[in-house]
Amino acid sequence: MSNSYFMIFNIQKFVSYLVLAVMIVLAVVSCDKDDKRPNDDECICLYCNRYGEYTGNETISGEVLEVLNFTMCPNPTYDVIDLIFKTADLNTVTITDKAGKVLLKQSFDVQAIAINVSSYSKGKYRVTVDNGKQKSTLCLIKAER
């Protein structure tokens, strides 16, 4: 093969890595600038109304939604969050505060659940769902009335 083929391949590879790096930086900066999530790079903050419709100003790509194994709404919430799982497999739900303290860890084998968080203090929490094959984490914002 010619040198130009390898040069084009290397340029495409470089551009792919550059695009990935820019996407990561934008995700971190956009979430950090508003302090909308706990200090964890794996935590995604998605605003969602009680009907499951995303309401934040940011555009959410289908790729981001595809890698999540659950949906959480509403976010922010005052009292109850609904978790809708992609599958009715055994899903372990863990809620932790910013310090990493586990507030809830429970397994469910249903498609959807409601969790009462009204006793939680105002602030940000991590909601992690692990189905044994995939683990996803979203930021939960608990608001006060």
Protein backbone atom coordinates (compact mmCIF):
# COMPACT_ATOMS: atom_id res chain seq x y z
CA MET A 1 0.00 0.00 0.00
CA SER A 2 1.11 3.52 -0.62
CA ASN A 3 2.37 5.97 1.98
CA SER A 4 -0.57 8.28 1.24
CA TYR A 5 -2.98 5.56 2.41
CA PHE A 6 -1.20 5.29 5.76
CA MET A 7 -1.05 9.06 6.04
CA ILE A 8 -4.81 9.36 5.46
CA PHE A 9 -5.44 6.53 7.94
CA ASN A 10 -3.30 8.24 10.58
CA ILE A 11 -5.04 11.58 10.01
CA GLN A 12 -8.46 9.92 10.36
CA LYS A 13 -7.30 8.17 13.53
CA PHE A 14 -5.95 11.47 14.92
CA VAL A 15 -9.19 13.30 14.10
CA SER A 16 -11.24 10.55 15.78
CA TYR A 17 -9.19 10.85 18.97
CA LEU A 18 -9.37 14.63 18.83
CA VAL A 19 -13.17 14.58 18.45
CA LEU A 20 -13.46 12.14 21.36
CA ALA A 21 -11.24 14.34 23.55
CA VAL A 22 -13.26 17.45 22.70
CA MET A 23 -16.54 15.65 23.49
CA ILE A 24 -15.21 14.56 26.88
CA VAL A 25 -13.95 18.06 27.71
CA LEU A 26 -17.27 19.63 26.66
CA ALA A 27 -19.24 17.15 28.76
CA VAL A 28 -17.11 17.80 31.84
CA VAL A 29 -17.06 21.58 31.40
CA SER A 30 -20.77 21.88 30.65
CA CYS A 31 -21.76 19.93 33.74
CA ASP A 32 -19.12 21.41 36.05
CA LYS A 33 -19.75 25.04 35.13
CA ASP A 34 -23.23 24.87 36.63
CA ASP A 35 -22.21 22.43 39.38
CA LYS A 36 -25.10 20.16 38.36
CA ARG A 37 -23.58 16.87 39.47
CA PRO A 38 -21.53 15.26 42.18
CA ASN A 39 -17.78 15.27 41.68
CA ASP A 40 -17.59 12.14 39.54
CA ASP A 41 -16.79 12.05 35.83
CA GLU A 42 -19.10 9.05 35.33
CA CYS A 43 -22.19 10.91 36.55
CA ILE A 44 -24.45 12.42 33.89
CA CYS A 45 -26.96 15.11 34.80
CA LEU A 46 -30.16 14.97 32.71
CA TYR A 47 -33.15 17.16 33.50
CA CYS A 48 -36.42 15.36 32.97
CA ASN A 49 -40.04 16.22 33.75
CA ARG A 50 -42.49 13.79 35.34
CA TYR A 51 -43.54 12.53 31.89
CA GLY A 52 -40.03 11.38 31.00
CA GLU A 53 -39.39 14.26 28.59
CA TYR A 54 -35.93 15.84 28.75
CA THR A 55 -36.21 19.49 29.69
CA GLY A 56 -32.64 20.75 30.01
CA ASN A 57 -31.12 23.33 27.71
CA GLU A 58 -28.49 20.91 26.44
CA THR A 59 -29.13 18.66 23.47
CA ILE A 60 -29.05 15.01 24.45
CA SER A 61 -27.71 12.70 21.81
CA GLY A 62 -29.33 9.36 21.14
CA GLU A 63 -25.94 7.76 21.76
CA VAL A 64 -25.92 9.02 25.36
CA LEU A 65 -29.44 7.74 25.96
CA GLU A 66 -28.62 4.42 24.29
CA VAL A 67 -25.79 3.62 26.72
CA LEU A 68 -27.93 4.24 29.79
CA ASN A 69 -29.76 1.20 31.15
CA PHE A 70 -32.46 3.29 32.85
CA THR A 71 -34.41 6.54 32.78
CA MET A 72 -35.01 8.67 35.88
CA CYS A 73 -37.75 11.27 36.19
CA PRO A 74 -38.52 13.85 37.33
CA ASN A 75 -35.14 15.44 37.85
CA PRO A 76 -34.92 17.66 39.84
CA THR A 77 -37.48 16.27 42.28
CA TYR A 78 -39.04 17.18 45.60
CA ASP A 79 -40.22 13.79 46.76
CA VAL A 80 -40.38 10.78 44.41
CA ILE A 81 -38.31 9.62 41.46
CA ASP A 82 -39.41 7.03 38.96
CA LEU A 83 -36.80 4.68 37.56
CA ILE A 84 -37.67 2.92 34.32
CA PHE A 85 -35.30 0.11 33.42
CA LYS A 86 -34.54 -1.01 29.87
CA THR A 87 -35.07 -4.62 30.94
CA ALA A 88 -36.92 -6.34 33.76
CA ASP A 89 -33.73 -8.18 34.72
CA LEU A 90 -32.47 -7.99 38.27
CA ASN A 91 -31.39 -4.34 38.65
CA THR A 92 -29.50 -3.16 41.71
CA VAL A 93 -30.16 0.49 42.51
CA THR A 94 -27.68 2.41 44.64
CA ILE A 95 -28.15 6.02 45.75
CA THR A 96 -25.15 7.78 47.26
CA ASP A 97 -24.57 11.31 48.48
CA LYS A 98 -21.66 13.55 47.43
CA ALA A 99 -19.47 12.08 50.16
CA GLY A 100 -20.06 8.56 48.81
CA LYS A 101 -22.30 7.44 51.67
CA VAL A 102 -24.78 4.79 50.50
CA LEU A 103 -28.33 5.93 51.28
CA LEU A 104 -30.12 3.12 49.43
CA LYS A 105 -29.02 -0.16 47.90
CA GLN A 106 -31.76 -2.48 46.78
CA SER A 107 -32.39 -4.95 43.96
CA PHE A 108 -35.53 -5.06 41.84
CA ASP A 109 -36.67 -7.41 39.07
CA VAL A 110 -39.38 -5.22 37.60
CA GLN A 111 -39.49 -2.76 34.68
CA ALA A 112 -40.15 0.37 36.79
CA ILE A 113 -40.09 1.54 40.40
CA ALA A 114 -40.82 4.68 42.40
CA ILE A 115 -38.41 5.73 45.15
CA ASN A 116 -39.38 8.22 47.83
CA VAL A 117 -36.49 10.67 48.40
CA SER A 118 -38.49 13.27 50.34
CA SER A 119 -36.41 12.64 53.48
CA TYR A 120 -33.16 13.46 51.65
CA SER A 121 -31.63 16.89 52.14
CA LYS A 122 -31.56 19.38 49.30
CA GLY A 123 -28.56 18.60 47.10
CA LYS A 124 -27.03 16.28 44.54
CA TYR A 125 -26.97 12.50 44.66
CA ARG A 126 -25.73 9.68 42.44
CA VAL A 127 -28.21 7.06 41.27
CA THR A 128 -26.49 3.97 39.89
CA VAL A 129 -28.24 1.03 38.26
CA ASP A 130 -26.32 -2.21 37.74
CA ASN A 131 -27.99 -5.13 35.96
CA GLY A 132 -24.92 -7.36 36.01
CA LYS A 133 -24.10 -6.56 32.38
CA GLN A 134 -24.17 -2.79 32.42
CA LYS A 135 -23.77 -0.09 35.03
CA SER A 136 -25.10 3.46 34.51
CA THR A 137 -25.06 6.48 36.81
CA LEU A 138 -27.17 9.62 36.69
CA CYS A 139 -27.11 12.69 38.89
CA LEU A 140 -30.22 13.24 40.99
CA ILE A 141 -31.01 16.76 42.14
CA LYS A 142 -33.17 16.91 45.25
CA ALA A 143 -34.91 20.27 45.53
CA GLU A 144 -36.93 21.81 48.35
CA ARG A 145 -40.46 23.11 47.94
